[in-house]
Structure formats: C-alpha cells, structure tokens
Amino acid sequence: MVPAGEVDRAQRLWRRLGDDHLFNGKALAAAFRGALLHTLATDGLALPPTPKRWVAHCNGTHVTFRYTDGKTGERRTRTLPGEDFVWLLLQHALPKGFRRAVPDSG
C-alpha cells in the first residue's frame, strides 16, 4: 500500500497528493457501492432502490454515513465499525424469491 501519492509517469517521479488520503473519496465510494451491489445481486439478494449518489467515509475500521431519520425526517450522521455497517445494510436485503411490498401511492 502506498499512502497519499501517485507516480507521475511523464516526469518519472513520485508526486504527493494534496491531502492525506490514498484515494479520491467519491471514486472510492462509487467503487464500493458498485462492488457491494454486484455481490449482493450475484448472491441473489436485492436491496430496495438506492440513491445514485452514495457516499460513505471509511475511517480505519469504521464507516461514517448520512441518512434520513424515518421518524423525524432529519438528516443525521452515524459512525459504526465496518462489520456493523454491513450488518445494518444487509437487514434491508430480502432473501432470494421474496418480493418487497410497496404501498399504493394513489
């Protein structure tokens, strides 16, 4: 693993990135989202529709994410160990063959 930098091939030298992060956070979030959803679909699990913009910050062993509180409608931030984050996310996945009932909006 190489921290916070990249190889500049044109100048043939190591270039330190402007911040203290190894990867661009938005690109990492998009890659994580794609890999997770692909794995769930491959295993026959389906999540409800997810937002296109999905950002989760990984801080060592923890994940920080924002969500909307279903009771109050407030936007909140929560930090959990990675295992607890995945467990919380998988509680919304239905087993293969099950269908989610969507209330009629009319």
PDB file of N, CA and C in Angstrom:
ATOM      1  N   MET A   1       0.851  -1.176   0.000  1.00  0.00           N
ATOM      2  CA  MET A   1       0.000   0.000   0.000  1.00  0.00           C
ATOM      3  C   MET A   1       0.895   1.236   0.000  1.00  0.00           C
ATOM      4  N   VAL A   2       0.516   2.227  -0.793  1.00  0.00           N
ATOM      5  CA  VAL A   2       1.289   3.460  -0.902  1.00  0.00           C
ATOM      6  C   VAL A   2       0.413   4.623  -0.451  1.00  0.00           C
ATOM      7  N   PRO A   3       0.814   5.366   0.579  1.00  0.00           N
ATOM      8  CA  PRO A   3      -0.045   6.414   1.112  1.00  0.00           C
ATOM      9  C   PRO A   3       0.004   7.734   0.343  1.00  0.00           C
ATOM     10  N   ALA A   4      -1.162   8.267   0.041  1.00  0.00           N
ATOM     11  CA  ALA A   4      -1.362   9.648  -0.414  1.00  0.00           C
ATOM     12  C   ALA A   4      -0.429  10.130  -1.509  1.00  0.00           C
ATOM     13  N   GLY A   5      -0.318   9.391  -2.574  1.00  0.00           N
ATOM     14  CA  GLY A   5       0.514   9.848  -3.667  1.00  0.00           C
ATOM     15  C   GLY A   5       0.298   9.037  -4.926  1.00  0.00           C
ATOM     16  N   GLU A   6       1.049   9.397  -5.966  1.00  0.00           N
ATOM     17  CA  GLU A   6       0.945   8.685  -7.231  1.00  0.00           C
ATOM     18  C   GLU A   6       2.255   8.831  -7.991  1.00  0.00           C
ATOM     19  N   VAL A   7       2.442   7.978  -8.973  1.00  0.00           N
ATOM     20  CA  VAL A   7       3.623   8.048  -9.821  1.00  0.00           C
ATOM     21  C   VAL A   7       3.285   8.927 -11.019  1.00  0.00           C
ATOM     22  N   ASP A   8       4.079   9.961 -11.228  1.00  0.00           N
ATOM     23  CA  ASP A   8       3.949  10.818 -12.407  1.00  0.00           C
ATOM     24  C   ASP A   8       4.845  10.198 -13.476  1.00  0.00           C
ATOM     25  N   ARG A   9       4.218   9.489 -14.416  1.00  0.00           N
ATOM     26  CA  ARG A   9       4.996   8.746 -15.409  1.00  0.00           C
ATOM     27  C   ARG A   9       5.751   9.664 -16.363  1.00  0.00           C
ATOM     28  N   ALA A  10       5.178  10.821 -16.679  1.00  0.00           N
ATOM     29  CA  ALA A  10       5.846  11.744 -17.609  1.00  0.00           C
ATOM     30  C   ALA A  10       7.167  12.243 -17.025  1.00  0.00           C
ATOM     31  N   GLN A  11       7.149  12.581 -15.723  1.00  0.00           N
ATOM     32  CA  GLN A  11       8.363  13.107 -15.087  1.00  0.00           C
ATOM     33  C   GLN A  11       9.147  12.031 -14.347  1.00  0.00           C
ATOM     34  N   ARG A  12       8.600  10.831 -14.314  1.00  0.00           N
ATOM     35  CA  ARG A  12       9.237   9.680 -13.678  1.00  0.00           C
ATOM     36  C   ARG A  12       9.600   9.953 -12.228  1.00  0.00           C
ATOM     37  N   LEU A  13       8.622  10.442 -11.473  1.00  0.00           N
ATOM     38  CA  LEU A  13       8.860  10.693 -10.054  1.00  0.00           C
ATOM     39  C   LEU A  13       7.577  10.495  -9.260  1.00  0.00           C
ATOM     40  N   TRP A  14       7.771  10.414  -7.947  1.00  0.00           N
ATOM     41  CA  TRP A  14       6.655  10.254  -7.014  1.00  0.00           C
ATOM     42  C   TRP A  14       6.066  11.618  -6.722  1.00  0.00           C
ATOM     43  N   ARG A  15       4.749  11.738  -6.812  1.00  0.00           N
ATOM     44  CA  ARG A  15       4.087  13.006  -6.540  1.00  0.00           C
ATOM     45  C   ARG A  15       3.105  12.804  -5.398  1.00  0.00           C
ATOM     46  N   ARG A  16       3.275  13.603  -4.366  1.00  0.00           N
ATOM     47  CA  ARG A  16       2.371  13.546  -3.209  1.00  0.00           C
ATOM     48  C   ARG A  16       1.075  14.254  -3.557  1.00  0.00           C
ATOM     49  N   LEU A  17      -0.049  13.635  -3.195  1.00  0.00           N
ATOM     50  CA  LEU A  17      -1.336  14.257  -3.430  1.00  0.00           C
ATOM     51  C   LEU A  17      -1.561  15.366  -2.410  1.00  0.00           C
ATOM     52  N   GLY A  18      -2.478  16.274  -2.702  1.00  0.00           N
ATOM     53  CA  GLY A  18      -2.688  17.453  -1.885  1.00  0.00           C
ATOM     54  C   GLY A  18      -3.246  17.212  -0.507  1.00  0.00           C
ATOM     55  N   ASP A  19      -3.875  16.078  -0.276  1.00  0.00           N
ATOM     56  CA  ASP A  19      -4.441  15.824   1.055  1.00  0.00           C
ATOM     57  C   ASP A  19      -3.851  14.539   1.633  1.00  0.00           C
ATOM     58  N   ASP A  20      -4.395  14.085   2.729  1.00  0.00           N
ATOM     59  CA  ASP A  20      -3.835  12.913   3.403  1.00  0.00           C
ATOM     60  C   ASP A  20      -4.561  11.622   3.057  1.00  0.00           C
ATOM     61  N   HIS A  21      -5.228  11.563   1.917  1.00  0.00           N
ATOM     62  CA  HIS A  21      -5.996  10.383   1.555  1.00  0.00           C
ATOM     63  C   HIS A  21      -5.339   9.632   0.419  1.00  0.00           C
ATOM     64  N   LEU A  22      -5.425   8.325   0.479  1.00  0.00           N
ATOM     65  CA  LEU A  22      -4.845   7.487  -0.556  1.00  0.00           C
ATOM     66  C   LEU A  22      -5.672   7.536  -1.831  1.00  0.00           C
ATOM     67  N   PHE A  23      -7.015   7.523  -1.695  1.00  0.00           N
ATOM     68  CA  PHE A  23      -7.907   7.510  -2.847  1.00  0.00           C
ATOM     69  C   PHE A  23      -8.857   8.690  -2.794  1.00  0.00           C
ATOM     70  N   ASN A  24      -9.360   9.085  -3.948  1.00  0.00           N
ATOM     71  CA  ASN A  24     -10.417  10.085  -4.018  1.00  0.00           C
ATOM     72  C   ASN A  24     -11.655   9.486  -3.355  1.00  0.00           C
ATOM     73  N   GLY A  25     -12.216  10.183  -2.371  1.00  0.00           N
ATOM     74  CA  GLY A  25     -13.343   9.659  -1.600  1.00  0.00           C
ATOM     75  C   GLY A  25     -14.565   9.341  -2.441  1.00  0.00           C
ATOM     76  N   LYS A  26     -14.896  10.209  -3.403  1.00  0.00           N
ATOM     77  CA  LYS A  26     -16.078   9.971  -4.239  1.00  0.00           C
ATOM     78  C   LYS A  26     -15.881   8.768  -5.144  1.00  0.00           C
ATOM     79  N   ALA A  27     -14.682   8.632  -5.705  1.00  0.00           N
ATOM     80  CA  ALA A  27     -14.399   7.482  -6.565  1.00  0.00           C
ATOM     81  C   ALA A  27     -14.409   6.186  -5.751  1.00  0.00           C
ATOM     82  N   LEU A  28     -13.852   6.232  -4.542  1.00  0.00           N
ATOM     83  CA  LEU A  28     -13.836   5.055  -3.682  1.00  0.00           C
ATOM     84  C   LEU A  28     -15.256   4.666  -3.280  1.00  0.00           C
ATOM     85  N   ALA A  29     -16.101   5.663  -2.961  1.00  0.00           N
ATOM     86  CA  ALA A  29     -17.486   5.384  -2.592  1.00  0.00           C
ATOM     87  C   ALA A  29     -18.235   4.745  -3.755  1.00  0.00           C
ATOM     88  N   ALA A  30     -18.022   5.249  -4.977  1.00  0.00           N
ATOM     89  CA  ALA A  30     -18.692   4.691  -6.150  1.00  0.00           C
ATOM     90  C   ALA A  30     -18.233   3.250  -6.400  1.00  0.00           C
ATOM     91  N   ALA A  31     -16.935   3.003  -6.247  1.00  0.00           N
ATOM     92  CA  ALA A  31     -16.408   1.649  -6.444  1.00  0.00           C
ATOM     93  C   ALA A  31     -16.955   0.701  -5.372  1.00  0.00           C
ATOM     94  N   PHE A  32     -16.997   1.149  -4.113  1.00  0.00           N
ATOM     95  CA  PHE A  32     -17.531   0.327  -3.027  1.00  0.00           C
ATOM     96  C   PHE A  32     -18.998   0.005  -3.269  1.00  0.00           C
ATOM     97  N   ARG A  33     -19.788   1.024  -3.636  1.00  0.00           N
ATOM     98  CA  ARG A  33     -21.215   0.832  -3.902  1.00  0.00           C
ATOM     99  C   ARG A  33     -21.421  -0.181  -5.015  1.00  0.00           C
ATOM    100  N   GLY A  34     -20.670  -0.023  -6.123  1.00  0.00           N
ATOM    101  CA  GLY A  34     -20.807  -0.948  -7.238  1.00  0.00           C
ATOM    102  C   GLY A  34     -20.438  -2.375  -6.865  1.00  0.00           C
ATOM    103  N   ALA A  35     -19.328  -2.534  -6.138  1.00  0.00           N
ATOM    104  CA  ALA A  35     -18.885  -3.871  -5.734  1.00  0.00           C
ATOM    105  C   ALA A  35     -19.878  -4.515  -4.774  1.00  0.00           C
ATOM    106  N   LEU A  36     -20.383  -3.743  -3.824  1.00  0.00           N
ATOM    107  CA  LEU A  36     -21.336  -4.287  -2.858  1.00  0.00           C
ATOM    108  C   LEU A  36     -22.642  -4.694  -3.535  1.00  0.00           C
ATOM    109  N   LEU A  37     -23.204  -3.825  -4.370  1.00  0.00           N
ATOM    110  CA  LEU A  37     -24.467  -4.143  -5.042  1.00  0.00           C
ATOM    111  C   LEU A  37     -24.303  -5.320  -6.000  1.00  0.00           C
ATOM    112  N   HIS A  38     -23.153  -5.402  -6.680  1.00  0.00           N
ATOM    113  CA  HIS A  38     -22.901  -6.526  -7.577  1.00  0.00           C
ATOM    114  C   HIS A  38     -22.840  -7.838  -6.782  1.00  0.00           C
ATOM    115  N   THR A  39     -22.130  -7.829  -5.664  1.00  0.00           N
ATOM    116  CA  THR A  39     -22.011  -9.032  -4.837  1.00  0.00           C
ATOM    117  C   THR A  39     -23.362  -9.462  -4.307  1.00  0.00           C
ATOM    118  N   LEU A  40     -24.167  -8.506  -3.831  1.00  0.00           N
ATOM    119  CA  LEU A  40     -25.494  -8.843  -3.319  1.00  0.00           C
ATOM    120  C   LEU A  40     -26.366  -9.437  -4.417  1.00  0.00           C
ATOM    121  N   ALA A  41     -26.327  -8.842  -5.621  1.00  0.00           N
ATOM    122  CA  ALA A  41     -27.135  -9.347  -6.738  1.00  0.00           C
ATOM    123  C   ALA A  41     -26.665 -10.744  -7.151  1.00  0.00           C
ATOM    124  N   THR A  42     -25.344 -10.968  -7.162  1.00  0.00           N
ATOM    125  CA  THR A  42     -24.789 -12.273  -7.528  1.00  0.00           C
ATOM    126  C   THR A  42     -25.241 -13.345  -6.544  1.00  0.00           C
ATOM    127  N   ASP A  43     -25.370 -12.974  -5.276  1.00  0.00           N
ATOM    128  CA  ASP A  43     -25.791 -13.920  -4.238  1.00  0.00           C
ATOM    129  C   ASP A  43     -27.307 -14.030  -4.121  1.00  0.00           C
ATOM    130  N   GLY A  44     -28.032 -13.368  -5.028  1.00  0.00           N
ATOM    131  CA  GLY A  44     -29.491 -13.469  -5.031  1.00  0.00           C
ATOM    132  C   GLY A  44     -30.185 -12.571  -4.031  1.00  0.00           C
ATOM    133  N   LEU A  45     -29.496 -11.592  -3.499  1.00  0.00           N
ATOM    134  CA  LEU A  45     -30.095 -10.653  -2.554  1.00  0.00           C
ATOM    135  C   LEU A  45     -30.340  -9.331  -3.270  1.00  0.00           C
ATOM    136  N   ALA A  46     -31.443  -8.670  -2.955  1.00  0.00           N
ATOM    137  CA  ALA A  46     -31.756  -7.400  -3.604  1.00  0.00           C
ATOM    138  C   ALA A  46     -32.074  -6.353  -2.551  1.00  0.00           C
ATOM    139  N   LEU A  47     -31.504  -5.179  -2.723  1.00  0.00           N
ATOM    140  CA  LEU A  47     -31.800  -4.054  -1.838  1.00  0.00           C
ATOM    141  C   LEU A  47     -32.925  -3.233  -2.451  1.00  0.00           C
ATOM    142  N   PRO A  48     -33.623  -2.456  -1.636  1.00  0.00           N
ATOM    143  CA  PRO A  48     -34.600  -1.529  -2.218  1.00  0.00           C
ATOM    144  C   PRO A  48     -33.851  -0.507  -3.065  1.00  0.00           C
ATOM    145  N   PRO A  49     -34.556   0.271  -3.885  1.00  0.00           N
ATOM    146  CA  PRO A  49     -33.860   1.263  -4.713  1.00  0.00           C
ATOM    147  C   PRO A  49     -32.934   2.127  -3.851  1.00  0.00           C
ATOM    148  N   THR A  50     -31.709   2.301  -4.334  1.00  0.00           N
ATOM    149  CA  THR A  50     -30.717   3.077  -3.592  1.00  0.00           C
ATOM    150  C   THR A  50     -30.420   4.359  -4.347  1.00  0.00           C
ATOM    151  N   PRO A  51     -30.039   5.411  -3.636  1.00  0.00           N
ATOM    152  CA  PRO A  51     -29.725   6.664  -4.323  1.00  0.00           C
ATOM    153  C   PRO A  51     -28.514   6.511  -5.239  1.00  0.00           C
ATOM    154  N   LYS A  52     -28.494   7.271  -6.336  1.00  0.00           N
ATOM    155  CA  LYS A  52     -27.352   7.213  -7.253  1.00  0.00           C
ATOM    156  C   LYS A  52     -26.113   7.794  -6.598  1.00  0.00           C
ATOM    157  N   ARG A  53     -26.290   8.808  -5.782  1.00  0.00           N
ATOM    158  CA  ARG A  53     -25.162   9.428  -5.079  1.00  0.00           C
ATOM    159  C   ARG A  53     -25.079   8.817  -3.686  1.00  0.00           C
ATOM    160  N   TRP A  54     -24.069   8.045  -3.460  1.00  0.00           N
ATOM    161  CA  TRP A  54     -23.942   7.303  -2.213  1.00  0.00           C
ATOM    162  C   TRP A  54     -22.513   7.485  -1.722  1.00  0.00           C
ATOM    163  N   VAL A  55     -22.353   8.176  -0.609  1.00  0.00           N
ATOM    164  CA  VAL A  55     -21.020   8.430  -0.093  1.00  0.00           C
ATOM    165  C   VAL A  55     -20.920   7.892   1.327  1.00  0.00           C
ATOM    166  N   ALA A  56     -19.968   7.037   1.549  1.00  0.00           N
ATOM    167  CA  ALA A  56     -19.657   6.536   2.888  1.00  0.00           C
ATOM    168  C   ALA A  56     -18.172   6.758   3.104  1.00  0.00           C
ATOM    169  N   HIS A  57     -17.809   7.329   4.229  1.00  0.00           N
ATOM    170  CA  HIS A  57     -16.405   7.595   4.527  1.00  0.00           C
ATOM    171  C   HIS A  57     -15.869   6.471   5.405  1.00  0.00           C
ATOM    172  N   CYS A  58     -14.799   5.853   4.971  1.00  0.00           N
ATOM    173  CA  CYS A  58     -14.173   4.785   5.737  1.00  0.00           C
ATOM    174  C   CYS A  58     -13.023   5.391   6.533  1.00  0.00           C
ATOM    175  N   ASN A  59     -13.090   5.278   7.876  1.00  0.00           N
ATOM    176  CA  ASN A  59     -12.056   5.824   8.764  1.00  0.00           C
ATOM    177  C   ASN A  59     -11.406   4.674   9.499  1.00  0.00           C
ATOM    178  N   GLY A  60     -10.377   4.084   8.902  1.00  0.00           N
ATOM    179  CA  GLY A  60      -9.717   2.947   9.546  1.00  0.00           C
ATOM    180  C   GLY A  60     -10.647   1.756   9.571  1.00  0.00           C
ATOM    181  N   THR A  61     -11.187   1.453  10.734  1.00  0.00           N
ATOM    182  CA  THR A  61     -12.075   0.295  10.883  1.00  0.00           C
ATOM    183  C   THR A  61     -13.539   0.705  10.938  1.00  0.00           C
ATOM    184  N   HIS A  62     -13.831   2.003  10.780  1.00  0.00           N
ATOM    185  CA  HIS A  62     -15.199   2.499  10.913  1.00  0.00           C
ATOM    186  C   HIS A  62     -15.708   3.114   9.615  1.00  0.00           C
ATOM    187  N   VAL A  63     -17.022   3.166   9.476  1.00  0.00           N
ATOM    188  CA  VAL A  63     -17.677   3.775   8.316  1.00  0.00           C
ATOM    189  C   VAL A  63     -18.596   4.872   8.830  1.00  0.00           C
ATOM    190  N   THR A  64     -18.500   6.064   8.234  1.00  0.00           N
ATOM    191  CA  THR A  64     -19.373   7.181   8.590  1.00  0.00           C
ATOM    192  C   THR A  64     -20.297   7.439   7.415  1.00  0.00           C
ATOM    193  N   PHE A  65     -21.599   7.538   7.678  1.00  0.00           N
ATOM    194  CA  PHE A  65     -22.562   7.762   6.614  1.00  0.00           C
ATOM    195  C   PHE A  65     -23.679   8.672   7.091  1.00  0.00           C
ATOM    196  N   ARG A  66     -24.350   9.323   6.125  1.00  0.00           N
ATOM    197  CA  ARG A  66     -25.504  10.162   6.433  1.00  0.00           C
ATOM    198  C   ARG A  66     -26.763   9.423   6.037  1.00  0.00           C
ATOM    199  N   TYR A  67     -27.827   9.680   6.766  1.00  0.00           N
ATOM    200  CA  TYR A  67     -29.108   9.056   6.457  1.00  0.00           C
ATOM    201  C   TYR A  67     -30.226   9.986   6.893  1.00  0.00           C
ATOM    202  N   THR A  68     -31.425   9.714   6.428  1.00  0.00           N
ATOM    203  CA  THR A  68     -32.597  10.477   6.833  1.00  0.00           C
ATOM    204  C   THR A  68     -33.353   9.674   7.870  1.00  0.00           C
ATOM    205  N   ASP A  69     -33.572  10.250   9.043  1.00  0.00           N
ATOM    206  CA  ASP A  69     -34.316   9.599  10.114  1.00  0.00           C
ATOM    207  C   ASP A  69     -35.761   9.423   9.660  1.00  0.00           C
ATOM    208  N   GLY A  70     -36.242   8.189   9.665  1.00  0.00           N
ATOM    209  CA  GLY A  70     -37.587   7.888   9.189  1.00  0.00           C
ATOM    210  C   GLY A  70     -38.694   8.500  10.037  1.00  0.00           C
ATOM    211  N   LYS A  71     -38.445   8.748  11.317  1.00  0.00           N
ATOM    212  CA  LYS A  71     -39.470   9.307  12.201  1.00  0.00           C
ATOM    213  C   LYS A  71     -39.529  10.829  12.145  1.00  0.00           C
ATOM    214  N   THR A  72     -38.348  11.469  12.129  1.00  0.00           N
ATOM    215  CA  THR A  72     -38.311  12.938  12.202  1.00  0.00           C
ATOM    216  C   THR A  72     -38.064  13.605  10.853  1.00  0.00           C
ATOM    217  N   GLY A  73     -37.540  12.842   9.879  1.00  0.00           N
ATOM    218  CA  GLY A  73     -37.195  13.427   8.587  1.00  0.00           C
ATOM    219  C   GLY A  73     -35.883  14.198   8.604  1.00  0.00           C
ATOM    220  N   GLU A  74     -35.185  14.198   9.737  1.00  0.00           N
ATOM    221  CA  GLU A  74     -33.907  14.913   9.863  1.00  0.00           C
ATOM    222  C   GLU A  74     -32.777  14.138   9.192  1.00  0.00           C
ATOM    223  N   ARG A  75     -31.808  14.880   8.624  1.00  0.00           N
ATOM    224  CA  ARG A  75     -30.588  14.265   8.104  1.00  0.00           C
ATOM    225  C   ARG A  75     -29.640  14.069   9.284  1.00  0.00           C
ATOM    226  N   ARG A  76     -29.112  12.874   9.429  1.00  0.00           N
ATOM    227  CA  ARG A  76     -28.209  12.556  10.533  1.00  0.00           C
ATOM    228  C   ARG A  76     -26.948  11.893  10.013  1.00  0.00           C
ATOM    229  N   THR A  77     -25.914  11.894  10.846  1.00  0.00           N
ATOM    230  CA  THR A  77     -24.649  11.238  10.537  1.00  0.00           C
ATOM    231  C   THR A  77     -24.405  10.179  11.596  1.00  0.00           C
ATOM    232  N   ARG A  78     -23.892   9.030  11.166  1.00  0.00           N
ATOM    233  CA  ARG A  78     -23.642   7.939  12.093  1.00  0.00           C
ATOM    234  C   ARG A  78     -22.310   7.275  11.739  1.00  0.00           C
ATOM    235  N   THR A  79     -21.548   6.876  12.749  1.00  0.00           N
ATOM    236  CA  THR A  79     -20.283   6.174  12.555  1.00  0.00           C
ATOM    237  C   THR A  79     -20.362   4.818  13.247  1.00  0.00           C
ATOM    238  N   LEU A  80     -20.039   3.767  12.495  1.00  0.00           N
ATOM    239  CA  LEU A  80     -20.110   2.395  13.018  1.00  0.00           C
ATOM    240  C   LEU A  80     -18.858   1.624  12.615  1.00  0.00           C
ATOM    241  N   PRO A  81     -18.524   0.561  13.365  1.00  0.00           N
ATOM    242  CA  PRO A  81     -17.491  -0.355  12.877  1.00  0.00           C
ATOM    243  C   PRO A  81     -17.958  -0.948  11.538  1.00  0.00           C
ATOM    244  N   GLY A  82     -17.009  -1.257  10.653  1.00  0.00           N
ATOM    245  CA  GLY A  82     -17.349  -1.764   9.327  1.00  0.00           C
ATOM    246  C   GLY A  82     -18.298  -2.946   9.342  1.00  0.00           C
ATOM    247  N   GLU A  83     -18.086  -3.890  10.267  1.00  0.00           N
ATOM    248  CA  GLU A  83     -18.944  -5.072  10.348  1.00  0.00           C
ATOM    249  C   GLU A  83     -20.379  -4.688  10.691  1.00  0.00           C
ATOM    250  N   ASP A  84     -20.553  -3.736  11.593  1.00  0.00           N
ATOM    251  CA  ASP A  84     -21.898  -3.306  11.987  1.00  0.00           C
ATOM    252  C   ASP A  84     -22.590  -2.568  10.842  1.00  0.00           C
ATOM    253  N   PHE A  85     -21.810  -1.799  10.051  1.00  0.00           N
ATOM    254  CA  PHE A  85     -22.372  -1.100   8.904  1.00  0.00           C
ATOM    255  C   PHE A  85     -22.929  -2.095   7.892  1.00  0.00           C
ATOM    256  N   VAL A  86     -22.132  -3.128   7.573  1.00  0.00           N
ATOM    257  CA  VAL A  86     -22.590  -4.137   6.609  1.00  0.00           C
ATOM    258  C   VAL A  86     -23.801  -4.882   7.156  1.00  0.00           C
ATOM    259  N   TRP A  87     -23.801  -5.219   8.443  1.00  0.00           N
ATOM    260  CA  TRP A  87     -24.945  -5.907   9.055  1.00  0.00           C
ATOM    261  C   TRP A  87     -26.200  -5.035   8.964  1.00  0.00           C
ATOM    262  N   LEU A  88     -26.070  -3.754   9.265  1.00  0.00           N
ATOM    263  CA  LEU A  88     -27.206  -2.835   9.187  1.00  0.00           C
ATOM    264  C   LEU A  88     -27.738  -2.756   7.757  1.00  0.00           C
ATOM    265  N   LEU A  89     -26.835  -2.685   6.802  1.00  0.00           N
ATOM    266  CA  LEU A  89     -27.226  -2.624   5.399  1.00  0.00           C
ATOM    267  C   LEU A  89     -27.929  -3.902   4.964  1.00  0.00           C
ATOM    268  N   LEU A  90     -27.408  -5.056   5.370  1.00  0.00           N
ATOM    269  CA  LEU A  90     -27.992  -6.334   4.956  1.00  0.00           C
ATOM    270  C   LEU A  90     -29.343  -6.616   5.597  1.00  0.00           C
ATOM    271  N   GLN A  91     -29.688  -5.910   6.663  1.00  0.00           N
ATOM    272  CA  GLN A  91     -31.015  -6.085   7.257  1.00  0.00           C
ATOM    273  C   GLN A  91     -32.116  -5.633   6.307  1.00  0.00           C
ATOM    274  N   HIS A  92     -31.741  -4.825   5.297  1.00  0.00           N
ATOM    275  CA  HIS A  92     -32.710  -4.342   4.320  1.00  0.00           C
ATOM    276  C   HIS A  92     -32.782  -5.224   3.075  1.00  0.00           C
ATOM    277  N   ALA A  93     -31.921  -6.238   3.007  1.00  0.00           N
ATOM    278  CA  ALA A  93     -31.896  -7.131   1.842  1.00  0.00           C
ATOM    279  C   ALA A  93     -32.886  -8.276   2.057  1.00  0.00           C
ATOM    280  N   LEU A  94     -33.632  -8.599   1.008  1.00  0.00           N
ATOM    281  CA  LEU A  94     -34.583  -9.702   1.075  1.00  0.00           C
ATOM    282  C   LEU A  94     -33.938 -10.975   0.537  1.00  0.00           C
ATOM    283  N   PRO A  95     -34.284 -12.125   1.113  1.00  0.00           N
ATOM    284  CA  PRO A  95     -33.763 -13.386   0.576  1.00  0.00           C
ATOM    285  C   PRO A  95     -34.276 -13.626  -0.838  1.00  0.00           C
ATOM    286  N   LYS A  96     -33.572 -14.473  -1.574  1.00  0.00           N
ATOM    287  CA  LYS A  96     -33.947 -14.793  -2.948  1.00  0.00           C
ATOM    288  C   LYS A  96     -35.382 -15.328  -2.982  1.00  0.00           C
ATOM    289  N   GLY A  97     -36.157 -14.821  -3.919  1.00  0.00           N
ATOM    290  CA  GLY A  97     -37.541 -15.271  -4.077  1.00  0.00           C
ATOM    291  C   GLY A  97     -38.562 -14.415  -3.351  1.00  0.00           C
ATOM    292  N   PHE A  98     -38.136 -13.579  -2.416  1.00  0.00           N
ATOM    293  CA  PHE A  98     -39.053 -12.696  -1.703  1.00  0.00           C
ATOM    294  C   PHE A  98     -39.239 -11.409  -2.497  1.00  0.00           C
ATOM    295  N   ARG A  99     -40.386 -10.772  -2.349  1.00  0.00           N
ATOM    296  CA  ARG A  99     -40.670  -9.506  -3.027  1.00  0.00           C
ATOM    297  C   ARG A  99     -41.025  -8.470  -1.970  1.00  0.00           C
ATOM    298  N   ARG A 100     -40.593  -7.235  -2.215  1.00  0.00           N
ATOM    299  CA  ARG A 100     -40.911  -6.135  -1.307  1.00  0.00           C
ATOM    300  C   ARG A 100     -42.279  -5.572  -1.675  1.00  0.00           C
ATOM    301  N   ALA A 101     -43.140  -5.428  -0.696  1.00  0.00           N
ATOM    302  CA  ALA A 101     -44.452  -4.818  -0.919  1.00  0.00           C
ATOM    303  C   ALA A 101     -44.319  -3.312  -0.860  1.00  0.00           C
ATOM    304  N   VAL A 102     -44.764  -2.643  -1.900  1.00  0.00           N
ATOM    305  CA  VAL A 102     -44.685  -1.180  -1.974  1.00  0.00           C
ATOM    306  C   VAL A 102     -46.089  -0.635  -1.785  1.00  0.00           C
ATOM    307  N   PRO A 103     -46.297   0.281  -0.811  1.00  0.00           N
ATOM    308  CA  PRO A 103     -47.631   0.832  -0.603  1.00  0.00           C
ATOM    309  C   PRO A 103     -48.130   1.573  -1.828  1.00  0.00           C
ATOM    310  N   ASP A 104     -49.421   1.476  -2.082  1.00  0.00           N
ATOM    311  CA  ASP A 104     -50.039   2.176  -3.210  1.00  0.00           C
ATOM    312  C   ASP A 104     -50.076   3.667  -2.919  1.00  0.00           C
ATOM    313  N   SER A 105     -49.544   4.483  -3.841  1.00  0.00           N
ATOM    314  CA  SER A 105     -49.495   5.926  -3.613  1.00  0.00           C
ATOM    315  C   SER A 105     -50.794   6.605  -4.010  1.00  0.00           C
ATOM    316  N   GLY A 106     -51.719   5.889  -4.570  1.00  0.00           N
ATOM    317  CA  GLY A 106     -52.958   6.503  -5.045  1.00  0.00           C
ATOM    318  C   GLY A 106     -54.029   6.321  -4.089  1.00  0.00           C
TER     319      GLY A 106
END
